[in-house]
C-alpha atoms as a PDB file:
ATOM      1  CA  MET A   1      -5.743 -77.303   8.636  1.00  0.00           C
ATOM      2  CA  PRO A   2      -5.211 -75.518   5.910  1.00  0.00           C
ATOM      3  CA  LEU A   3      -3.110 -71.881   6.168  1.00  0.00           C
ATOM      4  CA  LEU A   4      -5.073 -69.078   6.155  1.00  0.00           C
ATOM      5  CA  THR A   5      -4.634 -66.773   3.395  1.00  0.00           C
ATOM      6  CA  SER A   6      -2.431 -64.022   5.047  1.00  0.00           C
ATOM      7  CA  ASP A   7      -0.450 -66.834   6.839  1.00  0.00           C
ATOM      8  CA  ARG A   8       0.852 -68.480   3.622  1.00  0.00           C
ATOM      9  CA  PRO A   9       4.409 -67.753   2.836  1.00  0.00           C
ATOM     10  CA  ARG A  10       5.091 -65.204  -0.070  1.00  0.00           C
ATOM     11  CA  SER A  11       6.822 -66.766  -3.102  1.00  0.00           C
ATOM     12  CA  GLY A  12       9.857 -65.206  -4.345  1.00  0.00           C
ATOM     13  CA  LEU A  13       8.072 -63.535  -7.155  1.00  0.00           C
ATOM     14  CA  SER A  14       5.813 -61.677  -4.632  1.00  0.00           C
ATOM     15  CA  ARG A  15       8.693 -60.416  -2.477  1.00  0.00           C
ATOM     16  CA  THR A  16       9.956 -59.181  -5.604  1.00  0.00           C
ATOM     17  CA  ILE A  17       7.347 -57.616  -7.270  1.00  0.00           C
ATOM     18  CA  LEU A  18       5.710 -55.671  -3.892  1.00  0.00           C
ATOM     19  CA  PRO A  19       8.550 -53.416  -3.494  1.00  0.00           C
ATOM     20  CA  LEU A  20       8.913 -52.527  -7.394  1.00  0.00           C
ATOM     21  CA  THR A  21       5.110 -52.014  -7.201  1.00  0.00           C
ATOM     22  CA  LEU A  22       5.483 -49.517  -4.105  1.00  0.00           C
ATOM     23  CA  GLY A  23       8.273 -47.932  -5.722  1.00  0.00           C
ATOM     24  CA  LEU A  24       6.437 -47.070  -9.026  1.00  0.00           C
ATOM     25  CA  VAL A  25       3.440 -45.592  -7.006  1.00  0.00           C
ATOM     26  CA  MET A  26       6.020 -43.388  -5.271  1.00  0.00           C
ATOM     27  CA  ALA A  27       7.507 -42.477  -8.139  1.00  0.00           C
ATOM     28  CA  LEU A  28       4.131 -41.514  -9.804  1.00  0.00           C
ATOM     29  CA  SER A  29       3.106 -39.392  -6.770  1.00  0.00           C
ATOM     30  CA  GLY A  30       6.352 -37.264  -6.988  1.00  0.00           C
ATOM     31  CA  LEU A  31       5.761 -36.824 -10.602  1.00  0.00           C
ATOM     32  CA  VAL A  32       2.176 -35.323 -10.023  1.00  0.00           C
ATOM     33  CA  ALA A  33       3.549 -33.389  -6.850  1.00  0.00           C
ATOM     34  CA  ALA A  34       6.105 -31.674  -9.328  1.00  0.00           C
ATOM     35  CA  ILE A  35       3.712 -30.608 -12.044  1.00  0.00           C
ATOM     36  CA  PRO A  36       3.743 -26.877 -12.277  1.00  0.00           C
ATOM     37  CA  ALA A  37       0.433 -24.813 -11.441  1.00  0.00           C
ATOM     38  CA  SER A  38      -1.473 -24.296 -14.750  1.00  0.00           C
ATOM     39  CA  ALA A  39      -1.724 -20.928 -16.202  1.00  0.00           C
ATOM     40  CA  THR A  40      -5.495 -20.966 -17.107  1.00  0.00           C
ATOM     41  CA  ASP A  41      -7.845 -19.699 -14.879  1.00  0.00           C
ATOM     42  CA  GLY A  42      -6.978 -21.281 -11.459  1.00  0.00           C
ATOM     43  CA  GLY A  43      -7.265 -24.996 -13.219  1.00  0.00           C
ATOM     44  CA  PRO A  44      -7.175 -27.891 -11.242  1.00  0.00           C
ATOM     45  CA  HIS A  45      -3.486 -27.514 -10.410  1.00  0.00           C
ATOM     46  CA  SER A  46      -3.671 -24.561  -8.307  1.00  0.00           C
ATOM     47  CA  ALA A  47      -4.805 -26.892  -5.343  1.00  0.00           C
ATOM     48  CA  ARG A  48      -1.631 -29.241  -5.833  1.00  0.00           C
ATOM     49  CA  ALA A  49       1.056 -29.073  -3.592  1.00  0.00           C
ATOM     50  CA  VAL A  50       4.486 -26.459  -4.764  1.00  0.00           C
ATOM     51  CA  SER A  51       7.267 -28.273  -5.659  1.00  0.00           C
ATOM     52  CA  THR A  52       9.425 -25.647  -5.720  1.00  0.00           C
ATOM     53  CA  PRO A  53       8.952 -22.871  -2.632  1.00  0.00           C
ATOM     54  CA  LEU A  54       7.492 -19.783  -3.224  1.00  0.00           C
ATOM     55  CA  LYS A  55       9.305 -16.896  -2.023  1.00  0.00           C
ATOM     56  CA  PHE A  56       9.787 -13.081  -1.761  1.00  0.00           C
ATOM     57  CA  GLY A  57      10.411 -11.506  -5.161  1.00  0.00           C
ATOM     58  CA  ASP A  58       9.030 -14.512  -6.962  1.00  0.00           C
ATOM     59  CA  THR A  59       6.210 -13.912  -9.462  1.00  0.00           C
ATOM     60  CA  GLY A  60       3.736 -15.491 -11.793  1.00  0.00           C
ATOM     61  CA  TRP A  61       0.349 -17.636 -11.708  1.00  0.00           C
ATOM     62  CA  ARG A  62       1.340 -19.301  -8.278  1.00  0.00           C
ATOM     63  CA  VAL A  63       1.837 -16.104  -6.551  1.00  0.00           C
ATOM     64  CA  ARG A  64      -1.607 -14.988  -7.947  1.00  0.00           C
ATOM     65  CA  VAL A  65      -3.025 -18.149  -6.566  1.00  0.00           C
ATOM     66  CA  LEU A  66      -1.076 -17.713  -3.095  1.00  0.00           C
ATOM     67  CA  GLN A  67      -2.303 -14.206  -2.483  1.00  0.00           C
ATOM     68  CA  SER A  68      -6.037 -15.025  -3.531  1.00  0.00           C
ATOM     69  CA  ARG A  69      -6.007 -17.699  -0.878  1.00  0.00           C
ATOM     70  CA  LEU A  70      -4.345 -15.803   1.727  1.00  0.00           C
ATOM     71  CA  HIS A  71      -7.139 -12.923   1.087  1.00  0.00           C
ATOM     72  CA  GLN A  72      -9.696 -15.628   1.682  1.00  0.00           C
ATOM     73  CA  LEU A  73      -8.042 -15.795   5.431  1.00  0.00           C
ATOM     74  CA  GLY A  74      -7.786 -11.910   5.917  1.00  0.00           C
ATOM     75  CA  LEU A  75      -3.988 -12.300   5.399  1.00  0.00           C
ATOM     76  CA  HIS A  76      -4.021 -10.071   2.344  1.00  0.00           C
ATOM     77  CA  SER A  77      -5.771  -7.300   0.420  1.00  0.00           C
ATOM     78  CA  GLU A  78      -8.424  -8.265  -2.422  1.00  0.00           C
ATOM     79  CA  VAL A  79      -5.859  -6.757  -4.934  1.00  0.00           C
ATOM     80  CA  ILE A  80      -4.126  -9.520  -6.944  1.00  0.00           C
ATOM     81  CA  THR A  81      -0.807  -8.489  -7.980  1.00  0.00           C
ATOM     82  CA  ALA A  82       1.101 -11.929  -9.008  1.00  0.00           C
ATOM     83  CA  ARG A  83       4.147 -10.443  -7.311  1.00  0.00           C
ATOM     84  CA  PHE A  84       5.650 -12.027  -4.237  1.00  0.00           C
ATOM     85  CA  ASP A  85       6.204  -8.805  -2.241  1.00  0.00           C
ATOM     86  CA  ALA A  86       6.229  -7.233   1.487  1.00  0.00           C
ATOM     87  CA  GLU A  87       2.592  -7.938   2.155  1.00  0.00           C
ATOM     88  CA  THR A  88       2.599 -11.369   0.532  1.00  0.00           C
ATOM     89  CA  ARG A  89       5.512 -12.363   2.873  1.00  0.00           C
ATOM     90  CA  ASP A  90       4.087 -11.210   5.787  1.00  0.00           C
ATOM     91  CA  GLY A  91       0.533 -12.669   5.165  1.00  0.00           C
ATOM     92  CA  VAL A  92       2.526 -16.006   4.712  1.00  0.00           C
ATOM     93  CA  ARG A  93       4.256 -15.423   8.171  1.00  0.00           C
ATOM     94  CA  THR A  94       1.433 -14.814  10.088  1.00  0.00           C
ATOM     95  CA  PHE A  95      -0.522 -17.923   8.592  1.00  0.00           C
ATOM     96  CA  GLN A  96       2.668 -20.197   9.571  1.00  0.00           C
ATOM     97  CA  ALA A  97       2.851 -18.409  13.464  1.00  0.00           C
ATOM     98  CA  ARG A  98      -0.835 -19.381  13.674  1.00  0.00           C
ATOM     99  CA  ARG A  99      -0.297 -22.808  13.073  1.00  0.00           C
ATOM    100  CA  HIS A 100       3.051 -22.378  15.282  1.00  0.00           C
ATOM    101  CA  ARG A 101       5.838 -23.219  12.305  1.00  0.00           C
ATOM    102  CA  SER A 102       8.551 -21.434  11.800  1.00  0.00           C
ATOM    103  CA  THR A 103       7.638 -18.039  10.446  1.00  0.00           C
ATOM    104  CA  THR A 104      10.285 -18.304   7.659  1.00  0.00           C
ATOM    105  CA  GLY A 105       7.871 -16.290   5.151  1.00  0.00           C
ATOM    106  CA  VAL A 106       8.743 -19.180   2.458  1.00  0.00           C
ATOM    107  CA  VAL A 107       5.740 -21.200   1.011  1.00  0.00           C
ATOM    108  CA  ASP A 108       7.112 -24.858   1.295  1.00  0.00           C
ATOM    109  CA  PRO A 109       5.023 -28.046   0.293  1.00  0.00           C
ATOM    110  CA  LEU A 110       3.715 -28.118   3.727  1.00  0.00           C
ATOM    111  CA  THR A 111       2.584 -24.484   4.415  1.00  0.00           C
ATOM    112  CA  TRP A 112       0.796 -24.877   0.684  1.00  0.00           C
ATOM    113  CA  HIS A 113      -0.793 -28.238   1.657  1.00  0.00           C
ATOM    114  CA  LYS A 114      -2.426 -26.350   4.903  1.00  0.00           C
ATOM    115  CA  LEU A 115      -3.037 -23.257   3.266  1.00  0.00           C
ATOM    116  CA  VAL A 116      -5.011 -25.193   0.611  1.00  0.00           C
ATOM    117  CA  ALA A 117      -7.103 -27.181   3.118  1.00  0.00           C
ATOM    118  CA  LYS A 118      -7.999 -23.932   4.958  1.00  0.00           C
ATOM    119  CA  THR A 119      -9.323 -21.862   1.514  1.00  0.00           C
ATOM    120  CA  LEU A 120     -11.249 -22.538  -1.609  1.00  0.00           C
ATOM    121  CA  GLU A 121     -10.603 -22.927  -5.009  1.00  0.00           C
ATOM    122  CA  PRO A 122      -9.855 -19.089  -6.226  1.00  0.00           C
ATOM    123  CA  THR A 123     -12.586 -18.097  -8.909  1.00  0.00           C
ATOM    124  CA  ARG A 124     -11.476 -16.408 -12.095  1.00  0.00           C
ATOM    125  CA  ASP A 125     -12.534 -13.007 -10.879  1.00  0.00           C
ATOM    126  CA  ALA A 126     -10.944 -13.356  -7.718  1.00  0.00           C
ATOM    127  CA  LEU A 127      -7.285 -13.916  -9.967  1.00  0.00           C
ATOM    128  CA  HIS A 128      -8.089 -11.185 -12.343  1.00  0.00           C
ATOM    129  CA  ASN A 129      -9.445  -8.361  -9.986  1.00  0.00           C
ATOM    130  CA  ILE A 130     -12.842  -8.423 -11.620  1.00  0.00           C
ATOM    131  CA  TYR A 131     -15.229  -7.252  -8.861  1.00  0.00           C
ATOM    132  CA  THR A 132     -19.043  -7.382  -8.263  1.00  0.00           C
ATOM    133  CA  PRO A 133     -20.627  -4.501  -6.728  1.00  0.00           C
ATOM    134  CA  GLY A 134     -21.488  -5.104  -3.055  1.00  0.00           C
ATOM    135  CA  PRO A 135     -24.727  -3.364  -1.264  1.00  0.00           C
ATOM    136  CA  ALA A 136     -24.834   0.285  -1.184  1.00  0.00           C
ATOM    137  CA  ILE A 137     -23.795   1.549   2.336  1.00  0.00           C
ATOM    138  CA  LEU A 138     -24.081   5.289   1.357  1.00  0.00           C
ATOM    139  CA  GLN A 139     -25.641   6.651  -1.890  1.00  0.00           C
ATOM    140  CA  ILE A 140     -27.447   9.823  -3.635  1.00  0.00           C
ATOM    141  CA  GLY A 141     -29.688  11.874  -1.144  1.00  0.00           C
ATOM    142  CA  GLU A 142     -28.189  10.698   1.837  1.00  0.00           C
ATOM    143  CA  GLN A 143     -27.061  12.924   4.231  1.00  0.00           C
ATOM    144  CA  GLY A 144     -25.047  13.128   7.866  1.00  0.00           C
ATOM    145  CA  LEU A 145     -21.890  12.556   9.606  1.00  0.00           C
ATOM    146  CA  GLY A 146     -21.294   9.467   7.567  1.00  0.00           C
ATOM    147  CA  VAL A 147     -21.310  11.402   4.477  1.00  0.00           C
ATOM    148  CA  ARG A 148     -19.365  14.414   5.813  1.00  0.00           C
ATOM    149  CA  ARG A 149     -16.574  11.711   6.478  1.00  0.00           C
ATOM    150  CA  LEU A 150     -16.854  10.414   3.410  1.00  0.00           C
ATOM    151  CA  GLN A 151     -16.022  13.766   1.412  1.00  0.00           C
ATOM    152  CA  ALA A 152     -13.527  14.802   3.813  1.00  0.00           C
ATOM    153  CA  ARG A 153     -11.582  11.323   3.017  1.00  0.00           C
ATOM    154  CA  LEU A 154     -12.138  12.117  -0.697  1.00  0.00           C
ATOM    155  CA  GLU A 155     -10.770  15.254  -0.183  1.00  0.00           C
ATOM    156  CA  GLN A 156      -7.692  14.216   1.198  1.00  0.00           C
ATOM    157  CA  VAL A 157      -6.816  11.807  -1.847  1.00  0.00           C
ATOM    158  CA  LYS A 158      -7.761  14.468  -4.151  1.00  0.00           C
ATOM    159  CA  HIS A 159     -10.999  13.224  -5.416  1.00  0.00           C
ATOM    160  CA  TYR A 160     -13.531  16.090  -3.812  1.00  0.00           C
ATOM    161  CA  SER A 161     -12.983  19.781  -3.384  1.00  0.00           C
ATOM    162  CA  GLY A 162     -14.644  22.467  -1.872  1.00  0.00           C
ATOM    163  CA  ASP A 163     -17.002  22.355   1.509  1.00  0.00           C
ATOM    164  CA  VAL A 164     -17.623  19.095   3.132  1.00  0.00           C
ATOM    165  CA  SER A 165     -21.441  19.530   2.707  1.00  0.00           C
ATOM    166  CA  GLY A 166     -22.910  16.098   4.365  1.00  0.00           C
ATOM    167  CA  LEU A 167     -25.177  15.673   1.721  1.00  0.00           C
ATOM    168  CA  PHE A 168     -24.614  12.885  -1.074  1.00  0.00           C
ATOM    169  CA  ASP A 169     -25.313  15.045  -4.264  1.00  0.00           C
ATOM    170  CA  ALA A 170     -24.090  15.069  -7.566  1.00  0.00           C
ATOM    171  CA  LYS A 171     -20.861  16.339  -7.018  1.00  0.00           C
ATOM    172  CA  THR A 172     -20.427  13.423  -4.172  1.00  0.00           C
ATOM    173  CA  VAL A 173     -21.083  10.820  -6.707  1.00  0.00           C
ATOM    174  CA  ARG A 174     -18.759  11.958  -9.437  1.00  0.00           C
ATOM    175  CA  SER A 175     -16.196  12.151  -6.324  1.00  0.00           C
ATOM    176  CA  VAL A 176     -16.860   8.454  -5.646  1.00  0.00           C
ATOM    177  CA  ARG A 177     -17.010   7.389  -9.210  1.00  0.00           C
ATOM    178  CA  SER A 178     -13.663   9.054  -9.915  1.00  0.00           C
ATOM    179  CA  PHE A 179     -12.146   7.144  -6.715  1.00  0.00           C
ATOM    180  CA  GLN A 180     -13.619   4.068  -7.729  1.00  0.00           C
ATOM    181  CA  ARG A 181     -12.222   4.317 -11.131  1.00  0.00           C
ATOM    182  CA  ALA A 182      -8.383   5.263  -9.999  1.00  0.00           C
ATOM    183  CA  ARG A 183      -8.561   2.008  -7.590  1.00  0.00           C
ATOM    184  CA  LYS A 184     -10.025  -0.088 -10.384  1.00  0.00           C
ATOM    185  CA  ILE A 185     -13.150  -1.539  -8.635  1.00  0.00           C
ATOM    186  CA  PRO A 186     -16.773  -1.202  -9.740  1.00  0.00           C
ATOM    187  CA  ILE A 187     -17.757   2.136 -10.835  1.00  0.00           C
ATOM    188  CA  THR A 188     -21.045   2.835  -9.595  1.00  0.00           C
ATOM    189  CA  GLY A 189     -21.033   6.288  -7.681  1.00  0.00           C
ATOM    190  CA  GLU A 190     -22.290   4.361  -4.727  1.00  0.00           C
ATOM    191  CA  VAL A 191     -20.768   3.243  -1.485  1.00  0.00           C
ATOM    192  CA  ASP A 192     -20.397  -0.122  -0.901  1.00  0.00           C
ATOM    193  CA  ARG A 193     -17.888  -2.213   1.776  1.00  0.00           C
ATOM    194  CA  ARG A 194     -15.266  -2.618  -0.572  1.00  0.00           C
ATOM    195  CA  THR A 195     -14.969   1.225  -1.809  1.00  0.00           C
ATOM    196  CA  LEU A 196     -15.321   2.066   2.197  1.00  0.00           C
ATOM    197  CA  ASP A 197     -12.469  -0.055   2.948  1.00  0.00           C
ATOM    198  CA  ARG A 198     -10.138   1.197   0.052  1.00  0.00           C
ATOM    199  CA  LEU A 199     -10.679   4.812   1.232  1.00  0.00           C
ATOM    200  CA  SER A 200     -10.146   4.147   4.485  1.00  0.00           C
ATOM    201  CA  GLU A 201      -6.904   2.119   3.758  1.00  0.00           C
ATOM    202  CA  LEU A 202      -5.653   5.173   2.079  1.00  0.00           C
ATOM    203  CA  THR A 203      -6.887   7.733   4.427  1.00  0.00           C
ATOM    204  CA  ARG A 204      -6.581   8.941   8.070  1.00  0.00           C
ATOM    205  CA  LYS A 205      -9.506   9.584  10.503  1.00  0.00           C
ATOM    206  CA  PRO A 206     -10.826  13.201   9.418  1.00  0.00           C
ATOM    207  CA  THR A 207     -10.638  16.036  12.140  1.00  0.00           C
ATOM    208  CA  LYS A 208     -13.149  17.959  13.244  1.00  0.00           C
ATOM    209  CA  ALA A 209     -11.738  21.176  11.579  1.00  0.00           C
ATOM    210  CA  GLU A 210     -11.956  19.252   8.139  1.00  0.00           C
ATOM    211  CA  LEU A 211     -15.279  17.642   8.779  1.00  0.00           C
ATOM    212  CA  PHE A 212     -16.848  20.984   9.472  1.00  0.00           C
ATOM    213  CA  ASN A 213     -14.866  23.471   7.349  1.00  0.00           C
ATOM    214  CA  ILE A 214     -13.433  25.534  10.086  1.00  0.00           C
ATOM    215  CA  GLU A 215     -10.161  27.235   8.683  1.00  0.00           C
ATOM    216  CA  PRO A 216      -7.136  26.884  10.778  1.00  0.00           C
ATOM    217  CA  GLN A 217      -5.447  29.978  12.367  1.00  0.00           C
ATOM    218  CA  GLY A 218      -1.922  30.954  11.308  1.00  0.00           C
ATOM    219  CA  PRO A 219       0.607  29.149   8.876  1.00  0.00           C
ATOM    220  CA  ALA A 220      -0.530  25.456   8.277  1.00  0.00           C
ATOM    221  CA  LEU A 221      -0.461  22.995  11.115  1.00  0.00           C
ATOM    222  CA  ASP A 222       1.853  20.522  10.870  1.00  0.00           C
ATOM    223  CA  LEU A 223       0.212  17.185  10.174  1.00  0.00           C
ATOM    224  CA  ARG A 224       1.197  15.657  13.518  1.00  0.00           C
ATOM    225  CA  CYS A 225      -1.197  18.138  15.296  1.00  0.00           C
ATOM    226  CA  LEU A 226      -4.366  17.367  13.077  1.00  0.00           C
ATOM    227  CA  SER A 227      -5.496  14.411  15.541  1.00  0.00           C
ATOM    228  CA  GLY A 228      -5.903  14.376  19.497  1.00  0.00           C
ATOM    229  CA  ARG A 229      -4.638  17.077  21.603  1.00  0.00           C
ATOM    230  CA  ALA A 230      -1.236  18.735  20.606  1.00  0.00           C
ATOM    231  CA  MET A 231       0.603  21.753  21.591  1.00  0.00           C
ATOM    232  CA  CYS A 232       1.712  22.708  18.090  1.00  0.00           C
ATOM    233  CA  ILE A 233       4.789  25.024  18.075  1.00  0.00           C
ATOM    234  CA  ASP A 234       6.095  26.514  15.253  1.00  0.00           C
ATOM    235  CA  LYS A 235       9.430  27.805  14.929  1.00  0.00           C
ATOM    236  CA  THR A 236       8.979  29.851  11.897  1.00  0.00           C
ATOM    237  CA  SER A 237       6.017  31.704  12.835  1.00  0.00           C
ATOM    238  CA  ARG A 238       7.137  32.106  16.583  1.00  0.00           C
ATOM    239  CA  SER A 239       3.905  30.700  17.835  1.00  0.00           C
ATOM    240  CA  LEU A 240       2.144  28.160  20.025  1.00  0.00           C
ATOM    241  CA  ARG A 241      -1.343  26.715  19.036  1.00  0.00           C
ATOM    242  CA  TRP A 242      -3.041  24.411  21.451  1.00  0.00           C
ATOM    243  CA  VAL A 243      -4.947  22.364  18.899  1.00  0.00           C
ATOM    244  CA  VAL A 244      -7.751  19.582  19.837  1.00  0.00           C
ATOM    245  CA  ASP A 245      -8.910  17.124  17.137  1.00  0.00           C
ATOM    246  CA  GLY A 246      -7.421  19.590  14.338  1.00  0.00           C
ATOM    247  CA  VAL A 247      -9.329  22.770  15.705  1.00  0.00           C
ATOM    248  CA  VAL A 248      -7.015  25.528  16.946  1.00  0.00           C
ATOM    249  CA  LYS A 249      -8.020  26.822  20.456  1.00  0.00           C
ATOM    250  CA  THR A 250      -5.988  29.487  20.974  1.00  0.00           C
ATOM    251  CA  ARG A 251      -2.624  31.283  19.948  1.00  0.00           C
ATOM    252  CA  TYR A 252       0.510  32.561  21.724  1.00  0.00           C
ATOM    253  CA  GLU A 253       3.941  34.097  20.599  1.00  0.00           C
ATOM    254  CA  VAL A 254       6.647  32.474  22.083  1.00  0.00           C
ATOM    255  CA  ARG A 255      10.711  32.472  21.400  1.00  0.00           C
ATOM    256  CA  PHE A 256      13.312  29.662  21.525  1.00  0.00           C
ATOM    257  CA  GLY A 257      16.441  28.866  23.052  1.00  0.00           C
ATOM    258  CA  SER A 258      19.710  30.635  21.358  1.00  0.00           C
ATOM    259  CA  ALA A 259      22.062  28.704  18.810  1.00  0.00           C
ATOM    260  CA  GLU A 260      24.143  27.448  21.495  1.00  0.00           C
ATOM    261  CA  LEU A 261      21.119  26.220  23.436  1.00  0.00           C
ATOM    262  CA  PRO A 262      18.499  25.116  20.849  1.00  0.00           C
ATOM    263  CA  THR A 263      14.956  24.056  21.423  1.00  0.00           C
ATOM    264  CA  ARG A 264      14.778  20.859  19.852  1.00  0.00           C
ATOM    265  CA  GLU A 265      12.544  19.810  17.133  1.00  0.00           C
ATOM    266  CA  GLY A 266      10.318  16.896  16.926  1.00  0.00           C
ATOM    267  CA  ALA A 267       7.474  14.926  18.302  1.00  0.00           C
ATOM    268  CA  PHE A 268       7.250  14.553  21.997  1.00  0.00           C
ATOM    269  CA  THR A 269       4.726  14.193  24.881  1.00  0.00           C
ATOM    270  CA  LEU A 270       4.187  16.145  27.727  1.00  0.00           C
ATOM    271  CA  PHE A 271       5.382  14.365  30.909  1.00  0.00           C
ATOM    272  CA  ARG A 272       5.250  16.824  33.857  1.00  0.00           C
ATOM    273  CA  LYS A 273       3.583  19.750  34.988  1.00  0.00           C
ATOM    274  CA  SER A 274       4.714  22.105  37.716  1.00  0.00           C
ATOM    275  CA  ARG A 275       2.756  25.389  38.166  1.00  0.00           C
ATOM    276  CA  ASP A 276       5.405  27.454  40.627  1.00  0.00           C
ATOM    277  CA  HIS A 277       8.669  25.699  39.044  1.00  0.00           C
ATOM    278  CA  VAL A 278      12.370  27.253  39.741  1.00  0.00           C
ATOM    279  CA  SER A 279      15.077  25.976  37.356  1.00  0.00           C
ATOM    280  CA  GLY A 280      17.601  24.185  39.612  1.00  0.00           C
ATOM    281  CA  LEU A 281      20.263  24.614  36.753  1.00  0.00           C
ATOM    282  CA  TYR A 282      19.761  28.622  36.115  1.00  0.00           C
ATOM    283  CA  ASN A 283      18.185  29.566  39.786  1.00  0.00           C
ATOM    284  CA  THR A 284      15.255  31.182  37.469  1.00  0.00           C
ATOM    285  CA  SER A 285      11.667  31.247  37.858  1.00  0.00           C
ATOM    286  CA  MET A 286       9.714  28.893  35.466  1.00  0.00           C
ATOM    287  CA  PRO A 287       6.140  29.559  36.286  1.00  0.00           C
ATOM    288  CA  PHE A 288       3.399  27.322  34.847  1.00  0.00           C
ATOM    289  CA  ALA A 289       5.999  24.676  33.433  1.00  0.00           C
ATOM    290  CA  MET A 290       5.079  22.071  31.032  1.00  0.00           C
ATOM    291  CA  PHE A 291       7.703  19.706  30.532  1.00  0.00           C
ATOM    292  CA  PHE A 292       8.452  17.750  27.133  1.00  0.00           C
ATOM    293  CA  SER A 293      11.933  16.726  26.513  1.00  0.00           C
ATOM    294  CA  GLY A 294      14.400  16.599  29.596  1.00  0.00           C
ATOM    295  CA  GLY A 295      14.598  19.838  31.223  1.00  0.00           C
ATOM    296  CA  GLN A 296      13.059  21.604  28.093  1.00  0.00           C
ATOM    297  CA  ALA A 297       9.408  22.920  29.062  1.00  0.00           C
ATOM    298  CA  VAL A 298       6.852  25.561  27.536  1.00  0.00           C
ATOM    299  CA  HIS A 299       6.445  28.199  30.299  1.00  0.00           C
ATOM    300  CA  TYR A 300       5.711  31.772  31.314  1.00  0.00           C
ATOM    301  CA  SER A 301       8.767  33.940  30.924  1.00  0.00           C
ATOM    302  CA  PRO A 302       8.685  37.530  32.695  1.00  0.00           C
ATOM    303  CA  ASP A 303      11.970  38.517  30.518  1.00  0.00           C
ATOM    304  CA  PHE A 304      10.253  37.298  27.563  1.00  0.00           C
ATOM    305  CA  ALA A 305       6.897  39.846  28.536  1.00  0.00           C
ATOM    306  CA  ALA A 306       9.535  42.694  29.478  1.00  0.00           C
ATOM    307  CA  THR A 307      12.155  42.323  26.855  1.00  0.00           C
ATOM    308  CA  GLY A 308      10.368  40.329  23.814  1.00  0.00           C
ATOM    309  CA  TYR A 309      12.441  38.874  21.127  1.00  0.00           C
ATOM    310  CA  ASN A 310      15.922  40.659  22.085  1.00  0.00           C
ATOM    311  CA  GLY A 311      16.580  37.864  24.623  1.00  0.00           C
ATOM    312  CA  ALA A 312      16.440  34.135  24.154  1.00  0.00           C
ATOM    313  CA  SER A 313      15.633  31.139  26.604  1.00  0.00           C
ATOM    314  CA  HIS A 314      18.125  28.401  27.605  1.00  0.00           C
ATOM    315  CA  GLY A 315      16.351  25.812  25.298  1.00  0.00           C
ATOM    316  CA  CYS A 316      12.652  26.059  26.513  1.00  0.00           C
ATOM    317  CA  VAL A 317       9.683  27.573  24.911  1.00  0.00           C
ATOM    318  CA  ASN A 318       9.093  30.930  26.413  1.00  0.00           C
ATOM    319  CA  VAL A 319       5.449  32.459  26.712  1.00  0.00           C
ATOM    320  CA  ARG A 320       4.507  36.041  27.266  1.00  0.00           C
ATOM    321  CA  ASP A 321       0.790  36.086  27.939  1.00  0.00           C
ATOM    322  CA  TYR A 322       0.706  35.268  31.936  1.00  0.00           C
ATOM    323  CA  ASN A 323      -3.130  34.700  32.233  1.00  0.00           C
ATOM    324  CA  GLY A 324      -2.727  32.907  28.842  1.00  0.00           C
ATOM    325  CA  VAL A 325      -0.319  30.290  29.649  1.00  0.00           C
ATOM    326  CA  ARG A 326      -1.891  30.208  33.016  1.00  0.00           C
ATOM    327  CA  TRP A 327      -5.189  29.070  31.238  1.00  0.00           C
ATOM    328  CA  LEU A 328      -2.989  26.605  29.021  1.00  0.00           C
ATOM    329  CA  PHE A 329      -1.814  24.896  31.948  1.00  0.00           C
ATOM    330  CA  ASP A 330      -4.819  23.644  33.335  1.00  0.00           C
ATOM    331  CA  GLN A 331      -5.909  22.770  30.435  1.00  0.00           C
ATOM    332  CA  VAL A 332      -3.031  20.158  28.721  1.00  0.00           C
ATOM    333  CA  ARG A 333      -2.909  16.579  30.133  1.00  0.00           C
ATOM    334  CA  LEU A 334       0.094  14.784  30.811  1.00  0.00           C
ATOM    335  CA  GLY A 335       0.648  12.467  27.746  1.00  0.00           C
ATOM    336  CA  ASP A 336      -0.715  15.210  25.322  1.00  0.00           C
ATOM    337  CA  LYS A 337       1.314  15.787  22.200  1.00  0.00           C
ATOM    338  CA  VAL A 338       4.161  18.425  21.774  1.00  0.00           C
ATOM    339  CA  ILE A 339       5.211  18.909  18.384  1.00  0.00           C
ATOM    340  CA  VAL A 340       7.916  21.899  17.682  1.00  0.00           C
ATOM    341  CA  TYR A 341       8.815  22.175  13.965  1.00  0.00           C
ATOM    342  CA  ARG A 342       9.425  24.781  11.192  1.00  0.00           C
ATOM    343  CA  SER A 343       6.553  25.609   8.873  1.00  0.00           C
END
């Protein structure tokens, strides 16, 4: 019976040609992989594996393509810079972590291959930061809380001035256009998702005082006092202001520790309340004590009420308004902020 083709013994020539052919194919494959990314509009080469790893500090076209692909996965901002910066490295690390790989932040051939498999070829517009406006979320003629938030945020970045009105008028259009021009996005005077996202990234949540034009009482509040609930204690004006969402609810005169026993400055958290506290260290009464740093607390001081600023505390914040501090004691909660600073 004749031998099947696959069973026929190979000739010496076949045994020689096959390895040479395989070697040639592998060499050609390596050559293709080593072709650098094209420097033209994304091009077909942008999807090829990188022969040289991309890492922090690199610049060039391949970094543009990398950033655009990371953006498609929500791992980079829409703005393409062609510079492998910290944002790019963090995006690469997150991508690697999601795939249970070593989070080196370096784009090796395997990382690049997986990134290309998960994304689309970047467009010319994406690579060159050319944007198309999206549907308007806010536009001229609208009014309400959303417009107030917009105006307050624009004011934070110096693109709006004056009272927050809640009306999307011609002044607001000019402010939006100014912001869009500065951020190099389509200048329409209308607020689309891109404009709103860029503005939110650059600003903080507006306070009630900012939204409704409520002027703060006394010297400027520390920025840390403008959100949430805070006892804002200013050593310069020797005042304590109880602030909720940026609105000053009440104000008290206070005194502080001496040079030898100073009141600590910084951001603290109220961790203990004691209505009828007595100091175990100094054996003195500390009514309505609200502790924020070790043994230092805000509390009523009969000595401060009697002698004023002629004396000093042992590091605590003394209040001389008995009824006022009693009211404050019932308002504050554990976990509220205590900010001690100089204006």
